[in-house]
């Protein structure tokens, strides 16, 4: 079997192929994505995810968590949503 395109460590084991390694361009893309998220959160444009924690407040214990920065805020559920009125 050919080992072409693979790097070898000192003890002779094959490591990741060149296609699977993290390149400098990948690092720049990740940095740009994190910077964009930070700027959006600083400007108040959060990416809210609605979660529920019944151990804290029962059936109505909903809260929202920003997926980028981790900020929390309360999310109140209306009675119509709970009971279908």
Protein backbone atom coordinates (compact mmCIF):
# COMPACT_ATOMS: atom_id res chain seq x y z
CA UNK A 1 0.00 0.00 0.00
CA UNK A 2 1.36 3.41 -0.94
CA UNK A 3 2.05 5.99 1.74
CA UNK A 4 2.04 8.84 -0.76
CA UNK A 5 0.53 12.05 0.61
CA UNK A 6 0.97 10.98 4.24
CA UNK A 7 3.40 12.32 6.79
CA UNK A 8 5.44 9.99 8.93
CA UNK A 9 6.32 10.49 12.56
CA UNK A 10 9.75 9.58 13.98
CA UNK A 11 8.66 6.09 14.97
CA UNK A 12 7.31 5.38 11.45
CA UNK A 13 3.56 5.62 12.13
CA UNK A 14 1.43 7.41 9.59
CA UNK A 15 -0.21 10.60 10.78
CA UNK A 16 -2.93 12.68 9.15
CA UNK A 17 -2.89 13.06 5.40
CA UNK A 18 -2.24 16.49 3.94
CA UNK A 19 -5.96 16.91 3.16
CA UNK A 20 -6.91 16.34 6.81
CA UNK A 21 -4.49 18.79 8.38
CA UNK A 22 -5.48 22.27 9.56
CA UNK A 23 -3.95 24.85 7.24
CA UNK A 24 -3.23 28.54 7.71
CA UNK A 25 -6.25 29.36 5.53
CA UNK A 26 -8.49 27.28 7.82
CA UNK A 27 -7.17 29.18 10.82
CA UNK A 28 -8.00 32.50 9.15
CA UNK A 29 -11.53 31.32 8.37
CA UNK A 30 -12.06 30.26 11.98
CA UNK A 31 -10.70 33.56 13.27
CA UNK A 32 -12.96 35.52 10.91
CA UNK A 33 -15.99 33.49 12.01
CA UNK A 34 -15.25 34.03 15.72
CA UNK A 35 -14.62 37.76 15.16
CA UNK A 36 -17.88 38.11 13.23
CA UNK A 37 -19.77 36.40 16.05
CA UNK A 38 -18.13 38.58 18.67
CA UNK A 39 -18.99 41.75 16.74
CA UNK A 40 -22.60 40.66 16.22
CA UNK A 41 -23.06 39.91 19.93
CA UNK A 42 -21.47 43.23 20.90
CA UNK A 43 -23.95 44.97 18.60
CA UNK A 44 -26.86 43.15 20.26
CA UNK A 45 -27.54 40.65 17.45
CA UNK A 46 -27.41 37.46 19.51
CA UNK A 47 -28.14 33.94 18.23
CA UNK A 48 -30.73 32.81 20.81
CA UNK A 49 -31.51 29.18 21.56
CA UNK A 50 -34.57 28.45 23.70
CA UNK A 51 -33.90 25.95 26.51
CA UNK A 52 -35.91 24.56 29.41
CA UNK A 53 -34.84 23.72 32.97
CA UNK A 54 -37.77 22.20 34.92
CA UNK A 55 -35.63 21.58 38.02
CA UNK A 56 -35.38 25.30 38.70
CA UNK A 57 -38.84 26.66 37.97
CA UNK A 58 -41.20 23.92 36.93
CA UNK A 59 -42.93 23.63 33.58
CA UNK A 60 -42.57 27.33 32.80
CA UNK A 61 -38.82 27.49 33.42
CA UNK A 62 -37.78 28.52 29.93
CA UNK A 63 -34.76 30.65 29.22
CA UNK A 64 -32.75 31.67 26.19
CA UNK A 65 -29.01 31.28 25.75
CA UNK A 66 -26.87 32.94 23.08
CA UNK A 67 -24.99 30.23 21.19
CA UNK A 68 -22.11 32.55 20.40
CA UNK A 69 -21.33 34.40 23.65
CA UNK A 70 -23.23 32.44 26.32
CA UNK A 71 -25.43 35.30 27.55
CA UNK A 72 -28.70 34.24 29.19
CA UNK A 73 -32.08 35.91 29.28
CA UNK A 74 -35.46 34.91 30.64
CA UNK A 75 -38.09 33.66 28.25
CA UNK A 76 -41.61 33.70 29.56
CA UNK A 77 -44.13 31.21 28.22
CA UNK A 78 -47.69 32.35 27.80
CA UNK A 79 -50.59 30.37 29.28
CA UNK A 80 -51.95 29.80 25.77
CA UNK A 81 -48.77 28.00 24.77
CA UNK A 82 -48.91 25.78 27.86
CA UNK A 83 -52.56 24.75 27.82
CA UNK A 84 -53.54 25.34 24.20
CA UNK A 85 -56.22 27.97 24.90
